[in-house]
N, C-alpha and C. Protein backbone atom coordinates (compact mmCIF):
# COMPACT_ATOMS: atom_id res chain seq x y z
N MET A 1 205.70 -1.76 110.03
CA MET A 1 206.87 -0.57 109.88
C MET A 1 206.52 0.32 110.54
N HIS A 2 205.07 0.48 111.61
CA HIS A 2 204.63 1.59 112.11
C HIS A 2 205.53 1.14 113.30
N ARG A 3 205.76 0.56 113.77
CA ARG A 3 206.38 -0.31 114.93
C ARG A 3 207.66 0.25 115.35
N LEU A 4 208.62 -0.35 113.85
CA LEU A 4 209.87 0.40 114.16
C LEU A 4 209.83 1.51 114.01
N LEU A 5 208.83 2.83 113.59
CA LEU A 5 209.36 3.74 113.29
C LEU A 5 209.10 4.42 114.75
N SER A 6 208.03 3.77 115.66
CA SER A 6 207.61 4.16 116.90
C SER A 6 208.62 4.37 117.98
N LEU A 7 209.48 2.88 117.23
CA LEU A 7 210.49 2.42 118.70
C LEU A 7 211.98 3.44 118.14
N ALA A 8 211.78 3.88 116.77
CA ALA A 8 213.18 4.99 116.71
C ALA A 8 212.95 6.43 117.32
N LEU A 9 211.69 6.87 117.19
CA LEU A 9 211.04 7.79 117.95
C LEU A 9 211.33 7.76 119.40
N PHE A 10 210.31 7.11 120.00
CA PHE A 10 211.20 6.55 121.36
C PHE A 10 212.82 6.69 121.72
N GLY A 11 213.65 5.89 121.22
CA GLY A 11 215.05 5.90 121.58
C GLY A 11 215.46 7.18 121.42
N LEU A 12 215.01 8.16 119.76
CA LEU A 12 215.28 9.55 119.50
C LEU A 12 215.02 10.03 121.12
N ALA A 13 213.51 10.48 121.61
CA ALA A 13 212.92 11.15 122.88
C ALA A 13 213.85 10.86 123.91
N LEU A 14 213.82 9.19 124.34
CA LEU A 14 215.18 9.24 125.10
C LEU A 14 216.14 9.76 125.18
N CYS A 15 216.80 9.28 124.58
CA CYS A 15 218.43 9.70 124.34
C CYS A 15 218.19 11.37 124.29
N ALA A 16 217.34 12.38 123.94
CA ALA A 16 216.86 13.73 123.93
C ALA A 16 216.84 13.85 125.30
N ALA A 17 216.00 13.20 126.01
CA ALA A 17 215.90 13.31 127.05
C ALA A 17 217.27 13.23 128.38
N MET A 18 217.83 12.25 128.08
CA MET A 18 219.27 11.70 128.60
C MET A 18 220.30 12.99 128.70
N ASN A 19 220.58 13.67 127.47
CA ASN A 19 221.35 14.79 126.88
C ASN A 19 221.00 15.76 127.63
N ALA A 20 219.26 15.61 127.74
CA ALA A 20 219.07 17.23 128.89
C ALA A 20 219.42 16.57 129.92
N HIS A 21 219.16 15.65 130.23
CA HIS A 21 220.06 15.30 132.26
C HIS A 21 221.22 16.12 132.21
N ALA A 22 221.86 15.34 131.37
CA ALA A 22 223.45 15.93 131.45
C ALA A 22 223.77 17.19 131.58
N ASP A 23 223.00 17.72 130.44
CA ASP A 23 223.41 19.32 130.47
C ASP A 23 223.17 20.30 131.69
N ASP A 24 222.32 19.21 132.78
CA ASP A 24 222.05 20.21 133.96
C ASP A 24 222.71 19.60 135.00
N ALA A 25 223.67 18.46 134.61
CA ALA A 25 224.54 17.60 135.31
C ALA A 25 225.38 18.86 136.53
N PRO A 26 226.28 19.78 135.85
CA PRO A 26 226.66 20.97 136.92
C PRO A 26 225.70 21.59 137.54
N GLU A 27 224.81 22.05 137.30
CA GLU A 27 223.92 22.71 137.45
C GLU A 27 223.81 21.82 139.18
N ARG A 28 223.45 20.48 138.76
CA ARG A 28 222.72 20.12 140.02
C ARG A 28 223.93 20.04 141.17
N GLY A 29 225.33 19.76 140.21
CA GLY A 29 226.13 19.60 141.21
C GLY A 29 226.46 20.90 141.82
N ARG A 30 226.53 21.80 141.39
CA ARG A 30 226.58 23.04 142.02
C ARG A 30 225.77 22.94 143.32
N ALA A 31 224.82 22.44 143.07
CA ALA A 31 223.67 22.88 144.41
C ALA A 31 224.18 21.73 145.38
N LEU A 32 224.19 20.91 144.76
CA LEU A 32 225.26 19.64 145.70
C LEU A 32 226.16 19.87 146.62
N TYR A 33 227.00 20.53 145.93
CA TYR A 33 228.39 21.42 146.07
C TYR A 33 227.67 21.94 147.49
N ARG A 34 227.44 23.39 147.11
CA ARG A 34 226.99 24.00 147.93
C ARG A 34 226.10 23.25 149.50
N GLU A 35 225.34 22.84 149.05
CA GLU A 35 224.75 21.52 150.69
C GLU A 35 225.88 20.89 151.08
N HIS A 36 226.58 19.91 150.00
CA HIS A 36 227.26 18.93 151.22
C HIS A 36 228.84 19.31 151.46
N CYS A 37 229.31 20.27 150.67
CA CYS A 37 230.82 20.12 150.17
C CYS A 37 231.16 22.09 151.36
N SER A 38 230.58 22.84 150.99
CA SER A 38 230.62 24.27 150.83
C SER A 38 231.09 24.19 152.44
N ALA A 39 230.88 23.41 153.36
CA ALA A 39 231.32 23.60 155.41
C ALA A 39 232.69 23.09 155.24
N CYS A 40 233.53 22.44 154.26
CA CYS A 40 234.79 22.50 153.98
C CYS A 40 235.66 22.92 153.35
N HIS A 41 234.94 22.89 152.45
CA HIS A 41 235.60 23.62 150.35
C HIS A 41 234.71 24.82 150.08
N ALA A 42 235.43 25.43 149.10
CA ALA A 42 235.46 26.25 148.10
C ALA A 42 236.10 26.05 147.00
N PRO A 43 235.08 27.28 145.84
CA PRO A 43 236.64 26.56 144.60
C PRO A 43 237.28 27.53 144.77
N ASP A 44 237.57 28.73 145.13
CA ASP A 44 239.00 28.86 145.77
C ASP A 44 239.89 29.73 146.68
N PHE A 45 239.23 29.31 147.94
CA PHE A 45 239.93 29.45 149.19
C PHE A 45 239.88 28.54 149.64
N ASN A 46 241.32 27.76 150.20
CA ASN A 46 241.33 26.63 151.16
C ASN A 46 240.77 26.84 152.45
N GLY A 47 240.04 26.23 153.24
CA GLY A 47 239.18 25.78 154.23
C GLY A 47 239.64 24.48 155.21
N ALA A 48 238.96 24.16 155.65
CA ALA A 48 238.94 22.86 156.54
C ALA A 48 239.67 21.37 155.36
N GLY A 49 239.21 21.78 154.05
CA GLY A 49 239.78 20.82 153.04
C GLY A 49 240.60 21.80 151.64
N PRO A 50 241.16 21.34 150.96
CA PRO A 50 241.85 22.20 149.51
C PRO A 50 240.65 23.16 148.66
N ALA A 51 241.04 23.91 148.11
CA ALA A 51 240.25 24.54 147.11
C ALA A 51 240.19 24.30 145.90
N HIS A 52 238.90 23.89 145.33
CA HIS A 52 238.36 22.94 144.37
C HIS A 52 239.32 23.47 142.43
N ARG A 53 239.19 24.91 142.86
CA ARG A 53 239.44 25.28 141.28
C ARG A 53 240.67 25.22 140.62
N GLY A 54 240.12 24.02 139.64
CA GLY A 54 241.40 23.21 138.97
C GLY A 54 241.38 22.06 139.17
N VAL A 55 240.75 20.99 140.08
CA VAL A 55 241.68 19.75 140.85
C VAL A 55 240.85 18.80 139.66
N VAL A 56 240.30 19.30 138.64
CA VAL A 56 240.04 18.02 137.49
C VAL A 56 241.76 18.06 136.81
N GLY A 57 242.50 17.14 136.70
CA GLY A 57 243.38 17.92 136.04
C GLY A 57 244.98 18.11 136.92
N ARG A 58 244.57 18.38 138.18
CA ARG A 58 245.51 18.84 139.02
C ARG A 58 246.31 17.57 139.78
N LEU A 59 247.48 17.76 140.15
CA LEU A 59 248.39 16.59 140.84
C LEU A 59 248.04 16.85 142.29
N ALA A 60 247.18 15.78 142.88
CA ALA A 60 246.79 15.70 144.34
C ALA A 60 247.39 16.14 145.17
N GLY A 61 247.67 16.48 146.43
CA GLY A 61 248.30 17.30 147.45
C GLY A 61 249.21 18.07 147.26
N THR A 62 248.99 18.94 146.14
CA THR A 62 249.08 20.33 145.64
C THR A 62 249.03 21.66 145.76
N VAL A 63 247.42 21.77 146.43
CA VAL A 63 247.37 23.09 146.27
C VAL A 63 247.96 24.02 147.42
N PRO A 64 248.62 25.29 146.86
CA PRO A 64 249.82 26.23 148.10
C PRO A 64 248.60 26.88 149.20
N GLY A 65 249.51 26.23 149.71
CA GLY A 65 248.83 26.73 151.27
C GLY A 65 248.06 26.21 152.12
N PHE A 66 247.75 24.60 151.56
CA PHE A 66 246.99 23.67 152.14
C PHE A 66 247.66 22.89 153.06
N THR A 67 247.67 22.37 153.96
CA THR A 67 248.60 21.28 154.86
C THR A 67 247.77 20.02 154.50
N TYR A 68 248.32 19.43 153.67
CA TYR A 68 247.75 18.06 153.56
C TYR A 68 247.77 16.72 154.36
N SER A 69 247.50 15.73 154.67
CA SER A 69 247.31 14.41 155.48
C SER A 69 249.10 13.66 154.61
N PRO A 70 249.64 13.41 154.94
CA PRO A 70 251.27 12.20 154.32
C PRO A 70 249.98 11.69 152.90
N ALA A 71 249.49 11.30 153.33
CA ALA A 71 248.49 10.26 152.46
C ALA A 71 248.36 10.95 150.94
N LEU A 72 247.74 12.32 150.93
CA LEU A 72 247.42 12.87 150.35
C LEU A 72 248.93 13.44 149.73
N LYS A 73 249.32 14.19 150.28
CA LYS A 73 250.61 14.78 150.03
C LYS A 73 251.60 13.95 149.14
N ASP A 74 251.79 13.03 149.86
CA ASP A 74 252.84 11.83 148.54
C ASP A 74 252.16 11.07 147.39
N ALA A 75 250.38 11.16 147.52
CA ALA A 75 249.87 10.81 146.34
C ALA A 75 250.74 10.04 145.32
N GLY A 76 251.34 11.37 144.36
CA GLY A 76 251.34 10.83 143.22
C GLY A 76 250.97 10.89 141.84
N PHE A 77 249.55 10.99 142.31
CA PHE A 77 248.06 10.96 141.02
C PHE A 77 247.84 11.99 140.69
N VAL A 78 246.96 12.62 139.57
CA VAL A 78 246.37 13.56 139.01
C VAL A 78 244.83 12.64 139.04
N TRP A 79 244.01 14.18 139.35
CA TRP A 79 242.36 14.01 139.89
C TRP A 79 241.90 14.32 138.24
N THR A 80 241.21 12.80 137.89
CA THR A 80 240.34 12.33 137.04
C THR A 80 239.37 12.39 137.13
N PRO A 81 238.43 12.46 136.51
CA PRO A 81 236.81 12.54 136.56
C PRO A 81 236.70 10.76 137.51
N GLU A 82 237.36 9.61 137.17
CA GLU A 82 237.51 8.40 137.21
C GLU A 82 237.93 8.76 139.15
N ARG A 83 239.03 9.08 139.38
CA ARG A 83 239.56 9.01 139.99
C ARG A 83 238.54 9.99 141.64
N LEU A 84 237.87 10.78 141.04
CA LEU A 84 237.41 11.52 141.58
C LEU A 84 235.75 10.87 142.23
N ASP A 85 235.65 10.08 141.11
CA ASP A 85 234.45 9.47 141.73
C ASP A 85 234.81 8.55 142.47
N ARG A 86 235.81 7.64 142.27
CA ARG A 86 237.02 6.79 143.43
C ARG A 86 236.09 7.46 145.11
N TRP A 87 237.44 8.28 144.52
CA TRP A 87 237.64 9.52 145.80
C TRP A 87 236.02 9.43 146.76
N LEU A 88 235.32 10.25 146.05
CA LEU A 88 233.77 10.35 146.60
C LEU A 88 233.16 9.30 146.94
N THR A 89 233.51 7.70 146.23
CA THR A 89 232.97 6.34 146.90
C THR A 89 233.61 6.65 148.21
N ASP A 90 234.84 6.49 148.41
CA ASP A 90 235.33 5.82 149.58
C ASP A 90 236.81 6.38 149.41
N PRO A 91 236.89 7.67 150.04
CA PRO A 91 237.92 8.45 150.31
C PRO A 91 239.41 7.36 150.80
N GLU A 92 238.84 6.31 151.64
CA GLU A 92 239.86 6.03 152.60
C GLU A 92 240.42 4.80 151.90
N ALA A 93 239.52 4.31 150.70
CA ALA A 93 240.45 3.23 149.96
C ALA A 93 240.70 3.46 149.03
N VAL A 94 240.32 4.89 148.39
CA VAL A 94 242.04 5.56 147.51
C VAL A 94 242.99 5.59 148.38
N ARG A 95 243.01 6.50 149.44
CA ARG A 95 244.60 6.85 149.98
C ARG A 95 244.12 6.93 151.68
N PRO A 96 244.75 5.19 151.97
CA PRO A 96 244.85 5.22 153.56
C PRO A 96 244.93 6.27 154.59
N GLY A 97 244.65 6.61 155.44
CA GLY A 97 244.96 7.61 156.62
C GLY A 97 245.19 9.00 155.98
N GLN A 98 244.60 9.27 154.70
CA GLN A 98 243.55 10.42 154.49
C GLN A 98 242.77 11.23 155.59
N ARG A 99 242.36 12.65 155.37
CA ARG A 99 241.77 12.97 156.29
C ARG A 99 240.55 13.55 155.88
N MET A 100 239.67 13.44 154.78
CA MET A 100 238.34 13.23 154.54
C MET A 100 237.36 12.22 154.88
N GLY A 101 236.15 13.02 155.96
CA GLY A 101 235.31 12.08 156.72
C GLY A 101 234.50 11.95 156.10
N VAL A 102 234.05 12.21 154.24
CA VAL A 102 232.84 12.38 153.70
C VAL A 102 232.88 11.55 152.53
N SER A 103 231.63 10.58 152.07
CA SER A 103 231.53 10.36 151.07
C SER A 103 230.30 10.45 150.61
N VAL A 104 230.34 9.73 149.48
CA VAL A 104 228.96 10.28 148.49
C VAL A 104 228.30 8.77 147.78
N ALA A 105 227.33 8.21 148.27
CA ALA A 105 226.91 6.88 148.03
C ALA A 105 226.74 6.75 146.76
N ASP A 106 225.69 7.44 146.27
CA ASP A 106 225.04 7.86 145.06
C ASP A 106 225.46 7.96 144.50
N ALA A 107 226.04 7.21 143.34
CA ALA A 107 226.63 7.61 141.73
C ALA A 107 226.12 8.59 140.91
N ALA A 108 224.90 9.10 140.70
CA ALA A 108 224.28 10.05 139.95
C ALA A 108 224.90 11.65 140.97
N GLU A 109 224.43 11.66 141.80
CA GLU A 109 225.20 12.88 142.87
C GLU A 109 226.30 12.90 142.77
N ARG A 110 227.59 11.73 142.43
CA ARG A 110 229.19 11.76 142.45
C ARG A 110 229.19 12.48 141.24
N ALA A 111 228.36 12.23 140.28
CA ALA A 111 228.14 12.28 138.89
C ALA A 111 228.19 13.63 138.93
N ASP A 112 227.04 14.30 139.16
CA ASP A 112 226.61 15.56 138.94
C ASP A 112 228.19 16.96 140.22
N LEU A 113 228.09 16.16 140.83
CA LEU A 113 229.71 16.89 141.38
C LEU A 113 230.59 16.88 140.51
N ILE A 114 231.34 16.09 139.99
CA ILE A 114 232.29 16.15 139.17
C ILE A 114 231.61 16.61 138.04
N ALA A 115 231.05 16.98 137.57
CA ALA A 115 230.87 17.77 136.19
C ALA A 115 230.66 19.14 136.66
N TYR A 116 230.67 19.52 138.08
CA TYR A 116 230.52 21.01 138.41
C TYR A 116 231.64 21.13 138.91
N LEU A 117 232.70 20.12 139.41
CA LEU A 117 234.13 20.76 139.13
C LEU A 117 235.00 20.81 138.14
N ARG A 118 234.32 19.83 136.87
CA ARG A 118 235.18 20.38 135.55
C ARG A 118 234.50 21.79 134.79
N THR A 119 233.74 21.85 135.36
CA THR A 119 233.38 23.86 135.00
C THR A 119 234.19 24.50 135.85
N LEU A 120 234.97 24.32 136.77
CA LEU A 120 235.81 25.29 137.83
C LEU A 120 237.18 25.18 136.56
N GLY A 121 237.28 24.86 135.89
CA GLY A 121 238.69 24.94 134.99
C GLY A 121 239.87 24.88 136.01
N GLU A 122 240.83 25.52 135.39
CA GLU A 122 242.28 25.97 135.68
C GLU A 122 242.29 26.60 137.41
N ALA A 123 243.08 26.16 138.01
CA ALA A 123 243.01 27.06 139.75
C ALA A 123 243.96 28.92 139.32
N PRO A 124 243.46 29.70 138.87
CA PRO A 124 243.36 30.99 139.40
C PRO A 124 245.66 31.08 139.32
N GLN A 125 246.39 32.33 138.62
CA GLN A 125 247.14 32.31 138.81
C GLN A 125 247.63 33.37 139.35
N LYS A 126 248.23 33.31 140.27
CA LYS A 126 248.63 34.23 141.54
C LYS A 126 249.41 35.40 140.71
N GLU A 127 249.21 37.05 140.92
CA GLU A 127 249.97 37.93 140.40
C GLU A 127 251.29 37.66 141.49
N THR A 128 252.34 38.23 140.69
CA THR A 128 253.65 38.46 140.84
C THR A 128 253.36 39.90 141.37
N ALA A 129 254.39 40.55 141.88
CA ALA A 129 254.78 42.15 142.24
C ALA A 129 255.73 41.94 141.24
N PRO A 130 255.36 43.44 139.94
CA PRO A 130 256.87 43.84 139.11
C PRO A 130 257.59 44.21 140.06
N ARG A 131 258.73 43.57 138.83
CA ARG A 131 259.97 44.05 139.93
C ARG A 131 260.32 45.23 139.34
N GLU A 132 261.29 45.97 140.14
CA GLU A 132 261.52 47.04 140.26
C GLU A 132 263.02 47.87 139.60
């Protein structure tokens, strides 16, 4: 009985540690984003790459004002966490002819980056000038 209780407590401690690790994923992802992605991307501004605010759930190739490769402009898919994971693993395997020459080999880093991207929510709505 004592051994069973010890195993149960160990399992609870392991689950708590894993949940604590998962709770830190967006912050780790933010640091990775700053380190590896911010040379080309920003949440709210297009640079060498498109703005990322609202990327999760967005139709690929549709950020206003960004000039996409034909491979992404005509992709016809929505960015899901699973598709982002495949993209970050090997963008060329997802859309041959795309222009992103960077990949993220480490699965944990990809998961953290995607956790951060998910915190960015929806793309900001542009204000329109009132009609007179």
